[in-house]
N, C-alpha and C. Protein backbone atom coordinates (compact mmCIF):
# COMPACT_ATOMS: atom_id res chain seq x y z
N MET A 1 128.42 101.28 115.07
CA MET A 1 128.07 100.38 116.13
C MET A 1 127.80 99.01 115.51
N PRO A 2 128.45 97.97 116.01
CA PRO A 2 128.27 96.63 115.43
C PRO A 2 126.89 96.08 115.74
N VAL A 3 126.37 95.30 114.78
CA VAL A 3 125.07 94.66 114.94
C VAL A 3 125.28 93.24 115.44
N ASP A 4 124.52 92.86 116.45
CA ASP A 4 124.60 91.50 116.98
C ASP A 4 123.69 90.61 116.14
N GLU A 5 124.28 89.97 115.13
CA GLU A 5 123.52 89.14 114.19
C GLU A 5 122.86 87.95 114.89
N GLY A 6 123.46 87.45 115.96
CA GLY A 6 122.94 86.26 116.63
C GLY A 6 121.62 86.48 117.34
N SER A 7 121.32 87.71 117.78
CA SER A 7 120.09 87.93 118.54
C SER A 7 118.95 88.47 117.67
N THR A 8 119.23 88.74 116.42
CA THR A 8 118.19 89.28 115.54
C THR A 8 117.39 88.15 114.92
N ARG A 9 116.08 88.22 115.06
CA ARG A 9 115.18 87.26 114.42
C ARG A 9 114.76 87.83 113.08
N TRP A 10 115.49 87.50 112.02
CA TRP A 10 115.23 88.05 110.70
C TRP A 10 113.92 87.53 110.15
N LEU A 11 113.32 88.28 109.24
CA LEU A 11 112.08 87.86 108.61
C LEU A 11 112.31 86.68 107.69
N GLU A 12 111.36 85.76 107.74
CA GLU A 12 111.36 84.64 106.81
C GLU A 12 110.96 85.19 105.44
N PRO A 13 111.27 84.50 104.35
CA PRO A 13 110.92 85.00 103.02
C PRO A 13 109.43 85.35 102.87
N GLU A 14 108.54 84.52 103.42
CA GLU A 14 107.10 84.81 103.32
C GLU A 14 106.76 86.07 104.11
N GLU A 15 107.38 86.24 105.27
CA GLU A 15 107.15 87.43 106.09
C GLU A 15 107.67 88.69 105.38
N MET A 16 108.84 88.57 104.77
CA MET A 16 109.41 89.70 104.04
C MET A 16 108.51 90.09 102.88
N HIS A 17 107.99 89.10 102.17
CA HIS A 17 107.08 89.37 101.05
C HIS A 17 105.82 90.07 101.56
N ALA A 18 105.25 89.57 102.66
CA ALA A 18 104.06 90.19 103.24
C ALA A 18 104.35 91.61 103.69
N TRP A 19 105.50 91.81 104.34
CA TRP A 19 105.88 93.13 104.84
C TRP A 19 106.03 94.14 103.71
N LEU A 20 106.77 93.77 102.67
CA LEU A 20 106.99 94.67 101.55
C LEU A 20 105.70 94.94 100.78
N SER A 21 104.83 93.94 100.69
CA SER A 21 103.52 94.15 100.05
C SER A 21 102.69 95.13 100.87
N PHE A 22 102.71 94.98 102.19
CA PHE A 22 101.98 95.90 103.06
C PHE A 22 102.49 97.32 102.92
N ILE A 23 103.80 97.50 102.95
CA ILE A 23 104.40 98.84 102.85
C ILE A 23 104.01 99.50 101.53
N ALA A 24 104.17 98.78 100.44
CA ALA A 24 103.84 99.34 99.13
C ALA A 24 102.35 99.61 99.01
N GLY A 25 101.53 98.65 99.42
CA GLY A 25 100.08 98.80 99.30
C GLY A 25 99.53 99.92 100.16
N SER A 26 99.99 100.03 101.39
CA SER A 26 99.47 101.09 102.27
C SER A 26 99.90 102.47 101.78
N ALA A 27 101.11 102.58 101.27
CA ALA A 27 101.56 103.88 100.73
C ALA A 27 100.75 104.27 99.50
N LEU A 28 100.52 103.31 98.61
CA LEU A 28 99.74 103.60 97.41
C LEU A 28 98.28 103.92 97.75
N LEU A 29 97.70 103.21 98.71
CA LEU A 29 96.32 103.46 99.13
C LEU A 29 96.20 104.85 99.74
N GLU A 30 97.10 105.19 100.65
CA GLU A 30 97.08 106.52 101.28
C GLU A 30 97.20 107.61 100.23
N SER A 31 98.08 107.42 99.26
CA SER A 31 98.28 108.40 98.20
C SER A 31 97.02 108.54 97.33
N ALA A 32 96.39 107.42 96.98
CA ALA A 32 95.19 107.46 96.16
C ALA A 32 94.05 108.16 96.90
N LEU A 33 93.90 107.89 98.20
CA LEU A 33 92.84 108.54 98.99
C LEU A 33 93.11 110.04 99.12
N ASP A 34 94.35 110.39 99.30
CA ASP A 34 94.71 111.81 99.42
C ASP A 34 94.44 112.54 98.10
N ARG A 35 94.82 111.94 96.98
CA ARG A 35 94.57 112.57 95.67
C ARG A 35 93.09 112.76 95.42
N GLN A 36 92.29 111.74 95.74
CA GLN A 36 90.85 111.84 95.52
C GLN A 36 90.25 112.96 96.36
N LEU A 37 90.62 113.05 97.62
CA LEU A 37 90.07 114.10 98.48
C LEU A 37 90.54 115.48 98.04
N GLN A 38 91.79 115.60 97.64
CA GLN A 38 92.29 116.89 97.15
C GLN A 38 91.52 117.31 95.90
N ARG A 39 91.36 116.37 94.99
CA ARG A 39 90.71 116.66 93.70
C ARG A 39 89.23 117.00 93.89
N GLU A 40 88.51 116.21 94.67
CA GLU A 40 87.06 116.37 94.76
C GLU A 40 86.61 117.29 95.89
N SER A 41 87.39 117.40 96.95
CA SER A 41 86.94 118.17 98.12
C SER A 41 87.90 119.26 98.55
N GLY A 42 89.07 119.32 97.90
CA GLY A 42 90.02 120.38 98.22
C GLY A 42 90.66 120.26 99.59
N MET A 43 90.72 119.05 100.12
CA MET A 43 91.36 118.86 101.42
C MET A 43 92.24 117.62 101.41
N PRO A 44 93.31 117.63 102.18
CA PRO A 44 94.13 116.43 102.28
C PRO A 44 93.44 115.36 103.13
N HIS A 45 93.87 114.13 102.97
CA HIS A 45 93.32 113.02 103.73
C HIS A 45 93.47 113.26 105.23
N ALA A 46 94.54 113.89 105.66
CA ALA A 46 94.75 114.16 107.09
C ALA A 46 93.63 115.04 107.65
N TYR A 47 93.18 116.03 106.90
CA TYR A 47 92.08 116.89 107.36
C TYR A 47 90.78 116.10 107.43
N TYR A 48 90.54 115.27 106.42
CA TYR A 48 89.34 114.44 106.41
C TYR A 48 89.33 113.55 107.65
N GLN A 49 90.48 112.96 107.96
CA GLN A 49 90.58 112.07 109.11
C GLN A 49 90.24 112.81 110.41
N ILE A 50 90.73 114.02 110.57
CA ILE A 50 90.42 114.82 111.76
C ILE A 50 88.92 115.08 111.84
N LEU A 51 88.33 115.51 110.74
CA LEU A 51 86.89 115.77 110.72
C LEU A 51 86.09 114.51 111.04
N ALA A 52 86.50 113.38 110.46
CA ALA A 52 85.80 112.12 110.69
C ALA A 52 85.91 111.67 112.15
N MET A 53 87.09 111.81 112.74
CA MET A 53 87.27 111.45 114.15
C MET A 53 86.37 112.30 115.03
N LEU A 54 86.32 113.58 114.76
CA LEU A 54 85.47 114.47 115.57
C LEU A 54 83.99 114.14 115.36
N SER A 55 83.60 113.78 114.15
CA SER A 55 82.19 113.48 113.89
C SER A 55 81.73 112.25 114.67
N ASP A 56 82.63 111.34 114.99
CA ASP A 56 82.31 110.12 115.74
C ASP A 56 82.29 110.34 117.25
N ALA A 57 82.82 111.44 117.71
CA ALA A 57 82.96 111.68 119.15
C ALA A 57 81.66 112.22 119.75
N PRO A 58 81.43 111.94 121.03
CA PRO A 58 80.27 112.55 121.69
C PRO A 58 80.33 114.07 121.57
N ARG A 59 79.21 114.67 121.22
CA ARG A 59 79.10 116.12 121.01
C ARG A 59 80.13 116.63 119.99
N ARG A 60 80.62 115.69 119.14
CA ARG A 60 81.59 116.04 118.08
C ARG A 60 82.81 116.76 118.66
N THR A 61 83.22 116.37 119.87
CA THR A 61 84.31 117.05 120.57
C THR A 61 85.29 116.04 121.14
N LEU A 62 86.58 116.33 120.98
CA LEU A 62 87.64 115.54 121.59
C LEU A 62 88.70 116.47 122.15
N ARG A 63 89.38 116.01 123.20
CA ARG A 63 90.57 116.72 123.68
C ARG A 63 91.60 116.66 122.56
N MET A 64 92.36 117.71 122.40
CA MET A 64 93.38 117.74 121.35
C MET A 64 94.37 116.58 121.53
N SER A 65 94.72 116.25 122.77
CA SER A 65 95.67 115.16 123.00
C SER A 65 95.08 113.82 122.54
N ASP A 66 93.79 113.61 122.75
CA ASP A 66 93.15 112.37 122.29
C ASP A 66 93.03 112.35 120.77
N LEU A 67 92.75 113.50 120.19
CA LEU A 67 92.67 113.60 118.73
C LEU A 67 94.04 113.34 118.10
N ALA A 68 95.08 113.84 118.71
CA ALA A 68 96.44 113.58 118.22
C ALA A 68 96.75 112.09 118.28
N ALA A 69 96.39 111.46 119.38
CA ALA A 69 96.63 110.02 119.52
C ALA A 69 95.82 109.23 118.49
N ALA A 70 94.57 109.60 118.31
CA ALA A 70 93.70 108.88 117.37
C ALA A 70 94.17 109.01 115.94
N THR A 71 94.75 110.13 115.59
CA THR A 71 95.23 110.35 114.22
C THR A 71 96.71 110.02 114.07
N GLN A 72 97.31 109.55 115.17
CA GLN A 72 98.74 109.23 115.17
C GLN A 72 99.56 110.42 114.68
N SER A 73 99.24 111.58 115.23
CA SER A 73 99.87 112.83 114.83
C SER A 73 100.54 113.46 116.05
N SER A 74 101.60 114.19 115.82
CA SER A 74 102.22 114.92 116.93
C SER A 74 101.31 116.06 117.34
N GLN A 75 101.47 116.51 118.57
CA GLN A 75 100.66 117.63 119.06
C GLN A 75 100.85 118.86 118.17
N SER A 76 102.08 119.15 117.79
CA SER A 76 102.33 120.36 116.99
C SER A 76 101.75 120.22 115.58
N ARG A 77 101.87 119.05 114.98
CA ARG A 77 101.32 118.85 113.64
C ARG A 77 99.79 118.95 113.68
N LEU A 78 99.17 118.33 114.70
CA LEU A 78 97.72 118.41 114.83
C LEU A 78 97.28 119.85 115.08
N SER A 79 98.00 120.56 115.94
CA SER A 79 97.65 121.95 116.24
C SER A 79 97.67 122.80 114.97
N HIS A 80 98.67 122.59 114.14
CA HIS A 80 98.76 123.31 112.87
C HIS A 80 97.56 122.99 111.98
N ALA A 81 97.23 121.70 111.87
CA ALA A 81 96.10 121.29 111.02
C ALA A 81 94.79 121.85 111.56
N VAL A 82 94.59 121.79 112.88
CA VAL A 82 93.36 122.30 113.47
C VAL A 82 93.28 123.82 113.30
N SER A 83 94.41 124.51 113.34
CA SER A 83 94.40 125.96 113.08
C SER A 83 93.86 126.23 111.67
N LYS A 84 94.30 125.44 110.70
CA LYS A 84 93.80 125.59 109.33
C LYS A 84 92.30 125.32 109.28
N LEU A 85 91.87 124.23 109.94
CA LEU A 85 90.46 123.87 109.95
C LEU A 85 89.62 124.92 110.66
N GLU A 86 90.18 125.54 111.69
CA GLU A 86 89.50 126.65 112.36
C GLU A 86 89.34 127.83 111.41
N GLY A 87 90.38 128.11 110.64
CA GLY A 87 90.34 129.20 109.67
C GLY A 87 89.25 129.00 108.62
N TYR A 88 88.97 127.74 108.29
CA TYR A 88 87.90 127.44 107.34
C TYR A 88 86.53 127.45 108.00
N GLY A 89 86.51 127.51 109.34
CA GLY A 89 85.24 127.47 110.07
C GLY A 89 84.72 126.06 110.30
N TRP A 90 85.57 125.05 110.12
CA TRP A 90 85.15 123.66 110.22
C TRP A 90 85.31 123.09 111.62
N VAL A 91 86.22 123.67 112.40
CA VAL A 91 86.52 123.20 113.76
C VAL A 91 86.62 124.42 114.66
N HIS A 92 86.22 124.24 115.91
CA HIS A 92 86.35 125.31 116.91
C HIS A 92 87.13 124.73 118.09
N ARG A 93 88.10 125.51 118.58
CA ARG A 93 88.85 125.10 119.77
C ARG A 93 88.35 125.87 120.98
N SER A 94 88.36 125.20 122.13
CA SER A 94 87.98 125.84 123.38
C SER A 94 88.76 125.21 124.53
N GLN A 95 88.79 125.92 125.63
CA GLN A 95 89.49 125.41 126.81
C GLN A 95 88.66 124.30 127.44
N CYS A 96 89.30 123.27 127.90
CA CYS A 96 88.63 122.16 128.57
C CYS A 96 88.12 122.66 129.93
N PRO A 97 86.83 122.51 130.21
CA PRO A 97 86.27 123.08 131.44
C PRO A 97 86.81 122.43 132.72
N ASP A 98 87.22 121.16 132.67
CA ASP A 98 87.70 120.49 133.87
C ASP A 98 89.22 120.41 133.96
N ASP A 99 89.93 120.97 132.99
CA ASP A 99 91.40 120.97 133.00
C ASP A 99 91.88 122.19 132.25
N ARG A 100 92.35 123.19 132.97
CA ARG A 100 92.74 124.45 132.35
C ARG A 100 93.88 124.28 131.34
N ARG A 101 94.63 123.21 131.46
CA ARG A 101 95.72 122.97 130.50
C ARG A 101 95.23 122.30 129.22
N GLY A 102 94.04 121.70 129.27
CA GLY A 102 93.52 120.96 128.13
C GLY A 102 92.77 121.84 127.15
N THR A 103 92.81 121.43 125.88
CA THR A 103 92.08 122.13 124.82
C THR A 103 91.18 121.13 124.12
N LEU A 104 89.97 121.57 123.83
CA LEU A 104 89.01 120.75 123.12
C LEU A 104 88.89 121.19 121.67
N ALA A 105 88.70 120.25 120.79
CA ALA A 105 88.41 120.54 119.38
C ALA A 105 87.00 120.04 119.11
N THR A 106 86.18 120.90 118.51
CA THR A 106 84.79 120.56 118.22
C THR A 106 84.51 120.78 116.74
N LEU A 107 83.89 119.79 116.12
CA LEU A 107 83.47 119.90 114.73
C LEU A 107 82.27 120.82 114.66
N THR A 108 82.35 121.86 113.85
CA THR A 108 81.24 122.81 113.70
C THR A 108 80.20 122.25 112.73
N GLU A 109 79.06 122.91 112.67
CA GLU A 109 78.03 122.52 111.70
C GLU A 109 78.57 122.64 110.28
N GLN A 110 79.33 123.70 110.03
CA GLN A 110 79.93 123.88 108.69
C GLN A 110 80.90 122.74 108.39
N GLY A 111 81.71 122.36 109.39
CA GLY A 111 82.64 121.24 109.22
C GLY A 111 81.91 119.94 108.96
N MET A 112 80.80 119.73 109.65
CA MET A 112 80.01 118.52 109.45
C MET A 112 79.44 118.50 108.04
N ALA A 113 79.00 119.65 107.56
CA ALA A 113 78.46 119.74 106.19
C ALA A 113 79.55 119.41 105.17
N VAL A 114 80.75 119.92 105.39
CA VAL A 114 81.88 119.65 104.49
C VAL A 114 82.21 118.16 104.50
N LEU A 115 82.21 117.57 105.70
CA LEU A 115 82.49 116.14 105.83
C LEU A 115 81.42 115.32 105.10
N ARG A 116 80.15 115.67 105.29
CA ARG A 116 79.06 114.95 104.60
C ARG A 116 79.20 115.05 103.09
N GLU A 117 79.64 116.19 102.60
CA GLU A 117 79.82 116.37 101.16
C GLU A 117 81.01 115.56 100.64
N ALA A 118 82.08 115.47 101.43
CA ALA A 118 83.29 114.75 101.00
C ALA A 118 83.16 113.24 101.15
N ALA A 119 82.34 112.78 102.08
CA ALA A 119 82.28 111.35 102.43
C ALA A 119 81.92 110.43 101.26
N PRO A 120 80.92 110.74 100.42
CA PRO A 120 80.60 109.79 99.35
C PRO A 120 81.78 109.52 98.40
N GLY A 121 82.50 110.55 98.02
CA GLY A 121 83.66 110.35 97.14
C GLY A 121 84.76 109.57 97.83
N HIS A 122 84.96 109.85 99.11
CA HIS A 122 85.98 109.13 99.88
C HIS A 122 85.62 107.65 99.98
N VAL A 123 84.36 107.37 100.28
CA VAL A 123 83.92 105.98 100.39
C VAL A 123 84.06 105.27 99.04
N ARG A 124 83.70 105.95 97.96
CA ARG A 124 83.89 105.36 96.62
C ARG A 124 85.36 105.00 96.40
N ALA A 125 86.27 105.89 96.78
CA ALA A 125 87.70 105.63 96.59
C ALA A 125 88.18 104.48 97.47
N VAL A 126 87.70 104.41 98.70
CA VAL A 126 88.07 103.29 99.59
C VAL A 126 87.58 101.98 98.98
N ARG A 127 86.35 101.98 98.48
CA ARG A 127 85.83 100.77 97.84
C ARG A 127 86.66 100.39 96.62
N GLU A 128 86.89 101.38 95.75
CA GLU A 128 87.61 101.11 94.50
C GLU A 128 89.01 100.58 94.75
N HIS A 129 89.72 101.17 95.68
CA HIS A 129 91.13 100.84 95.88
C HIS A 129 91.38 99.75 96.91
N LEU A 130 90.31 99.33 97.64
CA LEU A 130 90.53 98.30 98.64
C LEU A 130 89.43 97.23 98.61
N PHE A 131 88.25 97.56 99.05
CA PHE A 131 87.24 96.54 99.29
C PHE A 131 86.71 95.86 98.04
N ASP A 132 86.61 96.57 96.93
CA ASP A 132 86.14 95.93 95.70
C ASP A 132 87.16 94.94 95.15
N LEU A 133 88.38 94.99 95.62
CA LEU A 133 89.43 94.08 95.18
C LEU A 133 89.48 92.80 96.01
N LEU A 134 88.74 92.77 97.12
CA LEU A 134 88.81 91.66 98.07
C LEU A 134 87.52 90.86 98.09
N THR A 135 87.65 89.57 98.43
CA THR A 135 86.47 88.74 98.66
C THR A 135 85.97 89.01 100.08
N ARG A 136 84.77 88.54 100.39
CA ARG A 136 84.25 88.68 101.76
C ARG A 136 85.18 88.00 102.76
N GLU A 137 85.71 86.85 102.38
CA GLU A 137 86.63 86.13 103.26
C GLU A 137 87.89 86.94 103.52
N GLN A 138 88.41 87.59 102.47
CA GLN A 138 89.60 88.42 102.64
C GLN A 138 89.32 89.63 103.53
N VAL A 139 88.13 90.21 103.40
CA VAL A 139 87.77 91.33 104.28
C VAL A 139 87.74 90.85 105.73
N ALA A 140 87.15 89.68 105.96
CA ALA A 140 87.12 89.13 107.33
C ALA A 140 88.54 88.87 107.83
N GLN A 141 89.40 88.33 106.98
CA GLN A 141 90.79 88.09 107.36
C GLN A 141 91.51 89.40 107.66
N LEU A 142 91.28 90.40 106.82
CA LEU A 142 91.90 91.71 107.03
C LEU A 142 91.48 92.29 108.38
N THR A 143 90.20 92.18 108.68
CA THR A 143 89.70 92.66 109.97
C THR A 143 90.36 91.92 111.11
N ASP A 144 90.40 90.60 111.04
CA ASP A 144 91.03 89.80 112.09
C ASP A 144 92.50 90.17 112.27
N ILE A 145 93.19 90.30 111.17
CA ILE A 145 94.62 90.64 111.22
C ILE A 145 94.81 91.98 111.91
N TRP A 146 94.08 93.01 111.48
CA TRP A 146 94.31 94.34 112.03
C TRP A 146 93.79 94.49 113.45
N GLN A 147 92.75 93.78 113.82
CA GLN A 147 92.31 93.82 115.21
C GLN A 147 93.37 93.17 116.11
N THR A 148 94.00 92.11 115.62
CA THR A 148 95.07 91.46 116.38
C THR A 148 96.27 92.39 116.53
N VAL A 149 96.67 93.03 115.43
CA VAL A 149 97.80 93.96 115.47
C VAL A 149 97.49 95.14 116.40
N LEU A 150 96.31 95.72 116.26
CA LEU A 150 95.94 96.87 117.10
C LEU A 150 95.90 96.49 118.58
N ALA A 151 95.32 95.34 118.88
CA ALA A 151 95.25 94.89 120.28
C ALA A 151 96.65 94.67 120.83
N GLY A 152 97.51 94.07 120.04
CA GLY A 152 98.89 93.84 120.49
C GLY A 152 99.65 95.14 120.72
N MET A 153 99.43 96.12 119.85
CA MET A 153 100.11 97.40 120.01
C MET A 153 99.57 98.15 121.22
N ARG A 154 98.26 98.11 121.44
CA ARG A 154 97.69 98.77 122.62
C ARG A 154 98.20 98.10 123.89
N ASP A 155 98.21 96.76 123.89
CA ASP A 155 98.66 96.04 125.07
C ASP A 155 100.13 96.32 125.37
N ARG A 156 100.94 96.34 124.35
CA ARG A 156 102.39 96.47 124.52
C ARG A 156 102.83 97.92 124.69
N ASP A 157 102.28 98.80 123.85
CA ASP A 157 102.79 100.16 123.79
C ASP A 157 101.81 101.22 124.28
N GLY A 158 100.60 100.83 124.63
CA GLY A 158 99.61 101.81 125.03
C GLY A 158 99.16 102.69 123.88
N VAL A 159 99.28 102.20 122.66
CA VAL A 159 98.95 102.98 121.48
C VAL A 159 97.43 103.11 121.37
N VAL A 160 96.96 104.34 121.15
CA VAL A 160 95.55 104.56 120.83
C VAL A 160 95.46 104.52 119.32
N ALA A 161 94.74 103.54 118.79
CA ALA A 161 94.82 103.32 117.36
C ALA A 161 93.53 103.55 116.59
N THR A 162 92.41 103.65 117.26
CA THR A 162 91.17 103.82 116.52
C THR A 162 90.29 104.82 117.24
N THR A 163 89.31 105.31 116.53
CA THR A 163 88.34 106.21 117.15
C THR A 163 87.67 105.52 118.32
N ARG A 164 87.31 104.28 118.17
CA ARG A 164 86.63 103.57 119.25
C ARG A 164 87.46 103.53 120.51
N THR A 165 88.78 103.36 120.39
CA THR A 165 89.59 103.31 121.61
C THR A 165 89.64 104.69 122.25
N VAL A 166 89.64 105.74 121.45
CA VAL A 166 89.64 107.09 122.00
C VAL A 166 88.34 107.34 122.76
N LEU A 167 87.25 106.79 122.24
CA LEU A 167 85.94 107.01 122.84
C LEU A 167 85.66 106.04 123.97
N GLY A 168 86.62 105.19 124.28
CA GLY A 168 86.47 104.29 125.42
C GLY A 168 85.66 103.03 125.14
N GLU A 169 85.42 102.73 123.87
CA GLU A 169 84.69 101.52 123.52
C GLU A 169 85.68 100.43 123.16
N ALA A 170 85.25 99.21 123.27
CA ALA A 170 86.09 98.09 122.86
C ALA A 170 86.17 98.06 121.35
N ALA A 171 87.38 97.96 120.83
CA ALA A 171 87.54 97.82 119.37
C ALA A 171 87.11 96.43 118.97
N GLY A 172 86.49 96.35 117.82
CA GLY A 172 86.14 95.03 117.33
C GLY A 172 84.80 94.94 116.75
């Protein structure tokens, strides 16, 4: 299929540099966080993210569909991960009382204990690989940039991008 070169707004050199830096940096950061959690807590970053999202929710419970949206995961991938977490005793699934088709995921006390134990190492890794490398001004810029991107994606695509949006609070 031919590409219509005239209608494509190609990236400027500065934009391309920023884009490629973002792609490389986010992949390396995700990998470093995953390695740290695997090494110190025996869980992948994806499991930590699920536990953390549930810990922020009222009564530590979210609908599976909201949890999938918050973690940017497919329903089937999330269901598989939650099955594993259920097997460890960290999460419990139950039927949604007001919607027979809905399923709730709840962080158990054991899951909360595991999350509390994993959190200090995770926070150290986030600091080491991201925040300790930035000035306060850069952190503020990073926040502004990502709040703008998230707001634009929610406005345009209806994307649920943060725990706060899942919980119905304004991001920011």
